[in-house]
């Protein structure tokens, strides 16, 4: 999966279970606990202040999945 697609899918996640499924889909499964932490960070990134400070979903995708 390319970075743009992954970032788009991560931005649209509604539940931790969806993130766990997405991680399995790309071949880098997360534990439920790790997915919970990442899901919280994704939600925090989706506000203007976070984006201005450089926190983005794309950055998280690179950190978490190496993409």
N, C-alpha and C. Protein backbone atom coordinates (compact mmCIF):
# COMPACT_ATOMS: atom_id res chain seq x y z
N UNK A 1 0.85 -1.17 0.00
CA UNK A 1 0.00 0.00 0.00
C UNK A 1 0.90 1.24 0.00
N UNK A 2 0.59 2.18 -0.84
CA UNK A 2 1.41 3.38 -0.91
C UNK A 2 1.07 4.32 0.25
N UNK A 3 1.98 5.26 0.49
CA UNK A 3 1.84 6.17 1.63
C UNK A 3 0.56 6.99 1.58
N UNK A 4 0.23 7.50 0.41
CA UNK A 4 -0.95 8.35 0.27
C UNK A 4 -2.23 7.59 0.63
N UNK A 5 -2.34 6.36 0.19
CA UNK A 5 -3.51 5.53 0.49
C UNK A 5 -3.57 5.22 1.97
N UNK A 6 -2.43 4.87 2.55
CA UNK A 6 -2.39 4.56 3.98
C UNK A 6 -2.79 5.77 4.82
N UNK A 7 -2.26 6.92 4.51
CA UNK A 7 -2.60 8.13 5.25
C UNK A 7 -4.09 8.43 5.13
N UNK A 8 -4.63 8.27 3.93
CA UNK A 8 -6.05 8.51 3.71
C UNK A 8 -6.89 7.55 4.57
N UNK A 9 -6.53 6.28 4.57
CA UNK A 9 -7.28 5.29 5.36
C UNK A 9 -7.13 5.57 6.85
N UNK A 10 -5.93 5.93 7.29
CA UNK A 10 -5.72 6.22 8.71
C UNK A 10 -6.53 7.44 9.14
N UNK A 11 -6.67 8.40 8.25
CA UNK A 11 -7.42 9.62 8.57
C UNK A 11 -8.91 9.36 8.72
N UNK A 12 -9.39 8.29 8.11
CA UNK A 12 -10.82 8.00 8.11
C UNK A 12 -11.22 6.96 9.16
N UNK A 13 -10.27 6.47 9.94
CA UNK A 13 -10.58 5.43 10.93
C UNK A 13 -11.57 5.93 11.96
N UNK A 14 -12.48 5.04 12.32
CA UNK A 14 -13.49 5.38 13.33
C UNK A 14 -13.30 4.58 14.62
N UNK A 15 -12.62 3.43 14.53
CA UNK A 15 -12.46 2.57 15.71
C UNK A 15 -11.05 1.99 15.76
N UNK A 16 -10.69 1.53 16.93
CA UNK A 16 -9.41 0.86 17.11
C UNK A 16 -9.38 -0.44 16.32
N UNK A 17 -10.51 -1.14 16.29
CA UNK A 17 -10.58 -2.39 15.55
C UNK A 17 -10.27 -2.17 14.07
N UNK A 18 -10.72 -1.06 13.50
CA UNK A 18 -10.41 -0.75 12.11
C UNK A 18 -8.91 -0.56 11.92
N UNK A 19 -8.25 0.06 12.91
CA UNK A 19 -6.80 0.25 12.83
C UNK A 19 -6.08 -1.08 12.92
N UNK A 20 -6.53 -1.97 13.80
CA UNK A 20 -5.94 -3.31 13.90
C UNK A 20 -6.08 -4.03 12.56
N UNK A 21 -7.26 -3.95 11.96
CA UNK A 21 -7.48 -4.60 10.66
C UNK A 21 -6.59 -3.99 9.58
N UNK A 22 -6.46 -2.67 9.57
CA UNK A 22 -5.61 -2.00 8.59
C UNK A 22 -4.16 -2.42 8.76
N UNK A 23 -3.70 -2.53 9.99
CA UNK A 23 -2.32 -2.94 10.22
C UNK A 23 -2.07 -4.36 9.70
N UNK A 24 -3.05 -5.22 9.87
CA UNK A 24 -2.93 -6.59 9.34
C UNK A 24 -2.92 -6.58 7.82
N UNK A 25 -3.75 -5.71 7.24
CA UNK A 25 -3.86 -5.61 5.78
C UNK A 25 -2.52 -5.23 5.14
N UNK A 26 -1.77 -4.37 5.80
CA UNK A 26 -0.49 -3.95 5.23
C UNK A 26 0.67 -4.83 5.69
N UNK A 27 0.36 -5.87 6.47
CA UNK A 27 1.38 -6.82 6.85
C UNK A 27 2.24 -6.41 8.03
N UNK A 28 1.76 -5.43 8.82
CA UNK A 28 2.49 -4.98 10.00
C UNK A 28 1.51 -4.90 11.17
N UNK A 29 1.06 -6.09 11.64
CA UNK A 29 0.02 -6.12 12.66
C UNK A 29 0.43 -5.44 13.97
N UNK A 30 -0.55 -4.76 14.54
CA UNK A 30 -0.38 -4.10 15.83
C UNK A 30 -1.17 -4.85 16.89
N UNK A 31 -0.66 -4.86 18.10
CA UNK A 31 -1.45 -5.40 19.21
C UNK A 31 -2.58 -4.41 19.48
N UNK A 32 -3.58 -4.86 20.19
CA UNK A 32 -4.71 -3.97 20.48
C UNK A 32 -4.24 -2.78 21.30
N UNK A 33 -3.31 -3.00 22.22
CA UNK A 33 -2.80 -1.91 23.05
C UNK A 33 -2.03 -0.89 22.21
N UNK A 34 -1.17 -1.38 21.32
CA UNK A 34 -0.43 -0.47 20.43
C UNK A 34 -1.37 0.29 19.51
N UNK A 35 -2.39 -0.40 19.01
CA UNK A 35 -3.37 0.25 18.14
C UNK A 35 -4.14 1.32 18.90
N UNK A 36 -4.45 1.04 20.15
CA UNK A 36 -5.16 2.02 20.98
C UNK A 36 -4.34 3.29 21.14
N UNK A 37 -3.05 3.13 21.42
CA UNK A 37 -2.18 4.29 21.57
C UNK A 37 -2.05 5.07 20.26
N UNK A 38 -1.86 4.34 19.16
CA UNK A 38 -1.72 4.99 17.85
C UNK A 38 -3.02 5.69 17.45
N UNK A 39 -4.15 5.06 17.75
CA UNK A 39 -5.45 5.65 17.42
C UNK A 39 -5.61 7.00 18.14
N UNK A 40 -5.20 7.05 19.39
CA UNK A 40 -5.26 8.31 20.14
C UNK A 40 -4.39 9.37 19.51
N UNK A 41 -3.21 8.98 19.07
CA UNK A 41 -2.30 9.94 18.42
C UNK A 41 -2.86 10.41 17.09
N UNK A 42 -3.49 9.50 16.35
CA UNK A 42 -4.10 9.88 15.07
C UNK A 42 -5.18 10.93 15.31
N UNK A 43 -6.02 10.69 16.30
CA UNK A 43 -7.09 11.65 16.60
C UNK A 43 -6.53 13.00 17.03
N UNK A 44 -5.45 13.00 17.78
CA UNK A 44 -4.83 14.25 18.21
C UNK A 44 -4.25 15.02 17.02
N UNK A 45 -3.77 14.29 16.03
CA UNK A 45 -3.16 14.94 14.86
C UNK A 45 -4.17 15.64 13.98
N UNK A 46 -5.42 15.30 14.13
CA UNK A 46 -6.42 15.83 13.23
C UNK A 46 -7.03 17.13 13.73
N UNK A 47 -6.18 18.00 14.26
CA UNK A 47 -6.64 19.34 14.60
C UNK A 47 -5.60 20.34 14.12
N UNK A 48 -6.00 21.57 13.98
CA UNK A 48 -5.13 22.58 13.39
C UNK A 48 -3.85 22.81 14.18
N UNK A 49 -3.92 22.81 15.50
CA UNK A 49 -2.75 23.08 16.32
C UNK A 49 -1.70 21.99 16.12
N UNK A 50 -2.11 20.74 16.09
CA UNK A 50 -1.17 19.64 15.90
C UNK A 50 -0.49 19.75 14.54
N UNK A 51 -1.25 20.05 13.52
CA UNK A 51 -0.68 20.14 12.19
C UNK A 51 0.31 21.30 12.09
N UNK A 52 0.03 22.39 12.77
CA UNK A 52 0.95 23.52 12.75
C UNK A 52 2.26 23.18 13.45
N UNK A 53 2.21 22.30 14.44
CA UNK A 53 3.43 21.93 15.16
C UNK A 53 4.17 20.79 14.46
N UNK A 54 3.64 20.29 13.36
CA UNK A 54 4.32 19.27 12.59
C UNK A 54 3.82 17.86 12.83
N UNK A 55 2.83 17.69 13.70
CA UNK A 55 2.27 16.36 13.93
C UNK A 55 1.20 16.09 12.87
N UNK A 56 1.46 15.09 12.06
CA UNK A 56 0.51 14.76 10.99
C UNK A 56 0.28 13.26 10.95
N UNK A 57 -0.80 12.86 10.33
CA UNK A 57 -1.08 11.44 10.16
C UNK A 57 0.00 10.80 9.29
N UNK A 58 0.49 11.52 8.31
CA UNK A 58 1.57 11.00 7.46
C UNK A 58 2.81 10.68 8.28
N UNK A 59 3.14 11.54 9.21
CA UNK A 59 4.30 11.32 10.07
C UNK A 59 4.08 10.07 10.93
N UNK A 60 2.88 9.92 11.46
CA UNK A 60 2.57 8.73 12.26
C UNK A 60 2.63 7.46 11.43
N UNK A 61 2.16 7.54 10.20
CA UNK A 61 2.20 6.37 9.31
C UNK A 61 3.64 5.92 9.10
N UNK A 62 4.53 6.88 8.91
CA UNK A 62 5.95 6.55 8.72
C UNK A 62 6.53 5.94 9.99
N UNK A 63 6.20 6.51 11.15
CA UNK A 63 6.73 6.01 12.41
C UNK A 63 6.21 4.60 12.71
N UNK A 64 4.91 4.41 12.55
CA UNK A 64 4.28 3.15 12.96
C UNK A 64 4.50 2.02 11.95
N UNK A 65 4.48 2.35 10.66
CA UNK A 65 4.50 1.30 9.65
C UNK A 65 5.69 1.37 8.70
N UNK A 66 6.53 2.38 8.87
CA UNK A 66 7.71 2.48 8.03
C UNK A 66 7.41 2.76 6.57
N UNK A 67 6.30 3.40 6.32
CA UNK A 67 5.89 3.69 4.94
C UNK A 67 6.05 5.18 4.68
